[in-house]
C-alpha atoms as a PDB file:
ATOM      1  CA  MET A   1       0.000   0.000   0.000  1.00  0.00           C
ATOM      2  CA  VAL A   2       2.883   2.387   0.799  1.00  0.00           C
ATOM      3  CA  ARG A   3       4.364   1.829  -2.636  1.00  0.00           C
ATOM      4  CA  THR A   4       0.974   2.454  -4.255  1.00  0.00           C
ATOM      5  CA  LEU A   5       0.447   5.670  -2.289  1.00  0.00           C
ATOM      6  CA  ARG A   6       3.977   6.815  -3.119  1.00  0.00           C
ATOM      7  CA  LEU A   7       3.561   6.138  -6.829  1.00  0.00           C
ATOM      8  CA  GLN A   8       0.152   7.860  -6.904  1.00  0.00           C
ATOM      9  CA  ARG A   9       1.936  11.018  -5.796  1.00  0.00           C
ATOM     10  CA  GLY A  10       4.722  10.492  -8.324  1.00  0.00           C
ATOM     11  CA  TRP A  11       7.388  10.305  -5.606  1.00  0.00           C
ATOM     12  CA  SER A  12      10.599   8.333  -5.641  1.00  0.00           C
ATOM     13  CA  GLN A  13      11.629   6.360  -2.576  1.00  0.00           C
ATOM     14  CA  GLU A  14      14.169   9.101  -1.846  1.00  0.00           C
ATOM     15  CA  GLN A  15      11.477  11.785  -1.936  1.00  0.00           C
ATOM     16  CA  LEU A  16       9.196   9.803   0.378  1.00  0.00           C
ATOM     17  CA  ALA A  17      12.110   9.252   2.739  1.00  0.00           C
ATOM     18  CA  GLN A  18      12.830  12.974   2.770  1.00  0.00           C
ATOM     19  CA  VAL A  19       9.264  14.125   3.453  1.00  0.00           C
ATOM     20  CA  SER A  20       8.590  11.392   6.026  1.00  0.00           C
ATOM     21  CA  GLY A  21      11.909  11.702   7.845  1.00  0.00           C
ATOM     22  CA  LEU A  22      12.547   7.983   7.424  1.00  0.00           C
ATOM     23  CA  SER A  23      15.613   6.499   5.821  1.00  0.00           C
ATOM     24  CA  ILE A  24      15.498   5.240   2.250  1.00  0.00           C
ATOM     25  CA  ARG A  25      16.400   1.834   3.593  1.00  0.00           C
ATOM     26  CA  THR A  26      13.334   1.849   5.850  1.00  0.00           C
ATOM     27  CA  ILE A  27      11.100   2.795   2.916  1.00  0.00           C
ATOM     28  CA  GLN A  28      12.616  -0.025   0.851  1.00  0.00           C
ATOM     29  CA  ARG A  29      12.041  -2.543   3.648  1.00  0.00           C
ATOM     30  CA  ILE A  30       8.422  -1.493   4.118  1.00  0.00           C
ATOM     31  CA  GLU A  31       7.746  -1.650   0.379  1.00  0.00           C
ATOM     32  CA  GLY A  32       9.466  -5.032   0.300  1.00  0.00           C
ATOM     33  CA  GLY A  33       6.899  -6.427   2.719  1.00  0.00           C
ATOM     34  CA  GLN A  34       8.553  -5.953   6.115  1.00  0.00           C
ATOM     35  CA  ALA A  35       6.141  -4.758   8.796  1.00  0.00           C
ATOM     36  CA  PRO A  36       6.889  -1.129   9.755  1.00  0.00           C
ATOM     37  CA  GLY A  37       7.413  -0.058  13.349  1.00  0.00           C
ATOM     38  CA  LEU A  38       4.981   2.266  15.081  1.00  0.00           C
ATOM     39  CA  ASP A  39       7.172   5.348  14.556  1.00  0.00           C
ATOM     40  CA  SER A  40       7.467   4.567  10.866  1.00  0.00           C
ATOM     41  CA  LEU A  41       3.704   4.060  10.623  1.00  0.00           C
ATOM     42  CA  LYS A  42       3.079   7.398  12.328  1.00  0.00           C
ATOM     43  CA  ALA A  43       5.447   9.194   9.965  1.00  0.00           C
ATOM     44  CA  LEU A  44       3.923   7.602   6.870  1.00  0.00           C
ATOM     45  CA  ALA A  45       0.378   8.196   8.088  1.00  0.00           C
ATOM     46  CA  ALA A  46       1.196  11.877   8.592  1.00  0.00           C
ATOM     47  CA  VAL A  47       2.712  12.177   5.116  1.00  0.00           C
ATOM     48  CA  PHE A  48      -0.174  10.415   3.367  1.00  0.00           C
ATOM     49  CA  GLU A  49      -2.772  12.037   5.648  1.00  0.00           C
ATOM     50  CA  LEU A  50      -4.287   8.691   6.566  1.00  0.00           C
ATOM     51  CA  PRO A  51      -5.108   7.075   9.896  1.00  0.00           C
ATOM     52  CA  ILE A  52      -2.455   4.658  11.140  1.00  0.00           C
ATOM     53  CA  SER A  53      -5.047   1.882  11.204  1.00  0.00           C
ATOM     54  CA  GLN A  54      -5.466   2.135   7.438  1.00  0.00           C
ATOM     55  CA  LEU A  55      -1.742   1.609   6.923  1.00  0.00           C
ATOM     56  CA  GLN A  56      -1.646  -1.203   9.503  1.00  0.00           C
ATOM     57  CA  GLY A  57      -4.582  -2.947   7.896  1.00  0.00           C
ATOM     58  CA  GLU A  58      -2.848  -3.448   4.594  1.00  0.00           C
ATOM     59  CA  PRO A  59      -2.513  -7.058   3.546  1.00  0.00           C
ATOM     60  CA  LYS A  60       0.926  -8.590   3.777  1.00  0.00           C
ATOM     61  CA  MET A  61       2.672  -8.249   0.474  1.00  0.00           C
ATOM     62  CA  SER A  62       3.940 -11.431  -1.042  1.00  0.00           C
ATOM     63  CA  ALA A  63       7.681 -11.729  -1.063  1.00  0.00           C
ATOM     64  CA  PRO A  64       9.302 -10.509  -4.263  1.00  0.00           C
ATOM     65  CA  LEU A  65      10.512 -13.173  -6.643  1.00  0.00           C
ATOM     66  CA  HIS A  66      14.088 -12.129  -6.026  1.00  0.00           C
ATOM     67  CA  THR A  67      14.671 -10.772  -2.569  1.00  0.00           C
ATOM     68  CA  VAL A  68      17.538  -8.358  -2.253  1.00  0.00           C
ATOM     69  CA  SER A  69      19.498  -8.297   0.975  1.00  0.00           C
ATOM     70  CA  ASP A  70      20.053  -5.081   2.890  1.00  0.00           C
ATOM     71  CA  GLN A  71      23.717  -5.212   1.961  1.00  0.00           C
ATOM     72  CA  GLU A  72      22.839  -5.497  -1.739  1.00  0.00           C
ATOM     73  CA  GLN A  73      20.371  -2.617  -1.429  1.00  0.00           C
ATOM     74  CA  GLN A  74      23.016  -0.432   0.204  1.00  0.00           C
ATOM     75  CA  ALA A  75      25.539  -1.359  -2.473  1.00  0.00           C
ATOM     76  CA  LEU A  76      23.011  -0.550  -5.206  1.00  0.00           C
ATOM     77  CA  ALA A  77      22.194   2.790  -3.604  1.00  0.00           C
ATOM     78  CA  GLN A  78      25.914   3.630  -3.457  1.00  0.00           C
ATOM     79  CA  ILE A  79      26.379   2.593  -7.095  1.00  0.00           C
ATOM     80  CA  HIS A  80      23.458   4.821  -8.166  1.00  0.00           C
ATOM     81  CA  ALA A  81      24.887   7.721  -6.184  1.00  0.00           C
ATOM     82  CA  GLN A  82      28.314   7.262  -7.793  1.00  0.00           C
ATOM     83  CA  LYS A  83      26.747   6.996 -11.240  1.00  0.00           C
ATOM     84  CA  GLY A  84      24.908  10.271 -10.617  1.00  0.00           C
ATOM     85  CA  PHE A  85      28.137  11.952  -9.570  1.00  0.00           C
ATOM     86  CA  TYR A  86      30.029  10.705 -12.632  1.00  0.00           C
ATOM     87  CA  GLN A  87      27.230  11.919 -14.921  1.00  0.00           C
ATOM     88  CA  HIS A  88      27.325  15.300 -13.166  1.00  0.00           C
ATOM     89  CA  ALA A  89      31.118  15.484 -13.572  1.00  0.00           C
ATOM     90  CA  LEU A  90      30.885  14.599 -17.275  1.00  0.00           C
ATOM     91  CA  ARG A  91      28.271  17.313 -17.881  1.00  0.00           C
ATOM     92  CA  TYR A  92      30.469  19.763 -15.980  1.00  0.00           C
ATOM     93  CA  VAL A  93      33.507  19.013 -18.139  1.00  0.00           C
ATOM     94  CA  LEU A  94      31.545  19.221 -21.395  1.00  0.00           C
ATOM     95  CA  VAL A  95      29.642  22.418 -20.598  1.00  0.00           C
ATOM     96  CA  ILE A  96      32.600  24.226 -19.043  1.00  0.00           C
ATOM     97  CA  GLY A  97      34.758  23.181 -22.014  1.00  0.00           C
ATOM     98  CA  LEU A  98      32.138  24.579 -24.387  1.00  0.00           C
ATOM     99  CA  LEU A  99      31.952  27.810 -22.367  1.00  0.00           C
ATOM    100  CA  PHE A 100      35.724  28.235 -22.602  1.00  0.00           C
ATOM    101  CA  VAL A 101      35.618  27.690 -26.364  1.00  0.00           C
ATOM    102  CA  ILE A 102      32.863  30.302 -26.685  1.00  0.00           C
ATOM    103  CA  ASN A 103      34.772  32.617 -24.349  1.00  0.00           C
ATOM    104  CA  LEU A 104      38.023  32.324 -26.323  1.00  0.00           C
ATOM    105  CA  LEU A 105      36.237  32.828 -29.646  1.00  0.00           C
ATOM    106  CA  THR A 106      34.242  35.872 -28.544  1.00  0.00           C
ATOM    107  CA  HIS A 107      36.298  37.666 -25.846  1.00  0.00           C
ATOM    108  CA  PRO A 108      39.780  36.156 -25.610  1.00  0.00           C
ATOM    109  CA  ASP A 109      41.021  39.126 -23.559  1.00  0.00           C
ATOM    110  CA  TYR A 110      38.701  38.341 -20.583  1.00  0.00           C
ATOM    111  CA  LEU A 111      38.159  34.801 -19.262  1.00  0.00           C
ATOM    112  CA  TRP A 112      34.604  35.107 -17.972  1.00  0.00           C
ATOM    113  CA  ALA A 113      34.146  31.314 -18.219  1.00  0.00           C
ATOM    114  CA  VAL A 114      36.187  30.996 -15.035  1.00  0.00           C
ATOM    115  CA  TRP A 115      33.208  32.225 -12.981  1.00  0.00           C
ATOM    116  CA  PRO A 116      30.723  29.516 -14.008  1.00  0.00           C
ATOM    117  CA  MET A 117      33.553  26.997 -13.726  1.00  0.00           C
ATOM    118  CA  LEU A 118      34.168  28.006 -10.111  1.00  0.00           C
ATOM    119  CA  GLY A 119      30.488  28.210  -9.160  1.00  0.00           C
ATOM    120  CA  TRP A 120      29.521  24.905 -10.689  1.00  0.00           C
ATOM    121  CA  GLY A 121      32.791  23.380  -9.481  1.00  0.00           C
ATOM    122  CA  ILE A 122      31.849  24.132  -5.892  1.00  0.00           C
ATOM    123  CA  GLY A 123      28.515  22.380  -6.431  1.00  0.00           C
ATOM    124  CA  LEU A 124      30.306  19.417  -7.986  1.00  0.00           C
ATOM    125  CA  LEU A 125      32.683  19.300  -5.017  1.00  0.00           C
ATOM    126  CA  PHE A 126      29.768  19.152  -2.579  1.00  0.00           C
ATOM    127  CA  HIS A 127      28.108  16.454  -4.687  1.00  0.00           C
ATOM    128  CA  GLY A 128      31.311  14.411  -4.605  1.00  0.00           C
ATOM    129  CA  CYS A 129      31.648  14.837  -0.844  1.00  0.00           C
ATOM    130  CA  ASN A 130      28.056  13.733  -0.396  1.00  0.00           C
ATOM    131  CA  VAL A 131      28.663  10.584  -2.444  1.00  0.00           C
ATOM    132  CA  PHE A 132      32.168   9.565  -1.411  1.00  0.00           C
ATOM    133  CA  VAL A 133      32.567  10.952   2.109  1.00  0.00           C
ATOM    134  CA  ARG A 134      30.431   9.376   4.801  1.00  0.00           C
ATOM    135  CA  PRO A 135      28.125  11.981   6.351  1.00  0.00           C
ATOM    136  CA  PRO A 136      28.743  12.665  10.031  1.00  0.00           C
ATOM    137  CA  ALA A 137      26.727  10.654  12.544  1.00  0.00           C
ATOM    138  CA  LEU A 138      25.404  13.971  13.796  1.00  0.00           C
ATOM    139  CA  PHE A 139      22.845  13.908  10.973  1.00  0.00           C
ATOM    140  CA  GLY A 140      21.982  10.205  11.088  1.00  0.00           C
ATOM    141  CA  GLU A 141      18.702   8.391  11.614  1.00  0.00           C
ATOM    142  CA  ALA A 142      18.404   9.498  15.261  1.00  0.00           C
ATOM    143  CA  TRP A 143      18.646  13.140  14.167  1.00  0.00           C
ATOM    144  CA  GLU A 144      16.000  12.515  11.481  1.00  0.00           C
ATOM    145  CA  ARG A 145      13.638  10.992  14.070  1.00  0.00           C
ATOM    146  CA  ARG A 146      14.142  13.999  16.380  1.00  0.00           C
ATOM    147  CA  GLN A 147      13.414  16.412  13.529  1.00  0.00           C
ATOM    148  CA  LEU A 148      10.271  14.502  12.581  1.00  0.00           C
ATOM    149  CA  ALA A 149       9.070  14.520  16.191  1.00  0.00           C
ATOM    150  CA  LYS A 150       9.801  18.238  16.429  1.00  0.00           C
ATOM    151  CA  ARG A 151       7.884  19.042  13.238  1.00  0.00           C
ATOM    152  CA  MET A 152       4.943  16.899  14.257  1.00  0.00           C
ATOM    153  CA  GLY A 153       4.684  18.746  17.575  1.00  0.00           C
ATOM    154  CA  ARG A 154       5.650  15.974  19.937  1.00  0.00           C
ATOM    155  CA  SER A 155       8.701  15.500  22.070  1.00  0.00           C
ATOM    156  CA  GLU A 156      10.868  12.435  21.858  1.00  0.00           C
ATOM    157  CA  GLN A 157      12.042  10.950  25.126  1.00  0.00           C
ATOM    158  CA  PRO A 158      15.824  10.619  25.309  1.00  0.00           C
ATOM    159  CA  LYS A 159      16.955   7.029  25.196  1.00  0.00           C
ATOM    160  CA  GLY A 160      19.161   6.305  28.117  1.00  0.00           C
END
């Protein structure tokens, strides 16, 4: 049912994860047939504006023909992220190269193409850091849960 609701809105798993405050991995598990926890149900119910009981009452999905382990899912997600970065880098090189050609043909005395190269280069650097450098634990799943609780107007009890 979660997958159906997500697709009706035209969202990717990443977009649903972002708006619900859940991890992509959690969304994948739920869509794969694993029963969601109460916190996950609450977050999804809030996003889809449905009562929790309606999400709980969904029939168990049959197991996919080929089940993918969590490790395989993580590896696939990393591969997709790297592919996205490499495509971004290729577009950067091609467009910036074209801008320099245009710059040298039209105004060889002033290299204005340096400015888009620097601006876009900073964005590319951040993209690369996001893909290849592990994000700090400060912004992990616990932080996401706290932010969701904060935005939904409830306080989360510290786990001791």
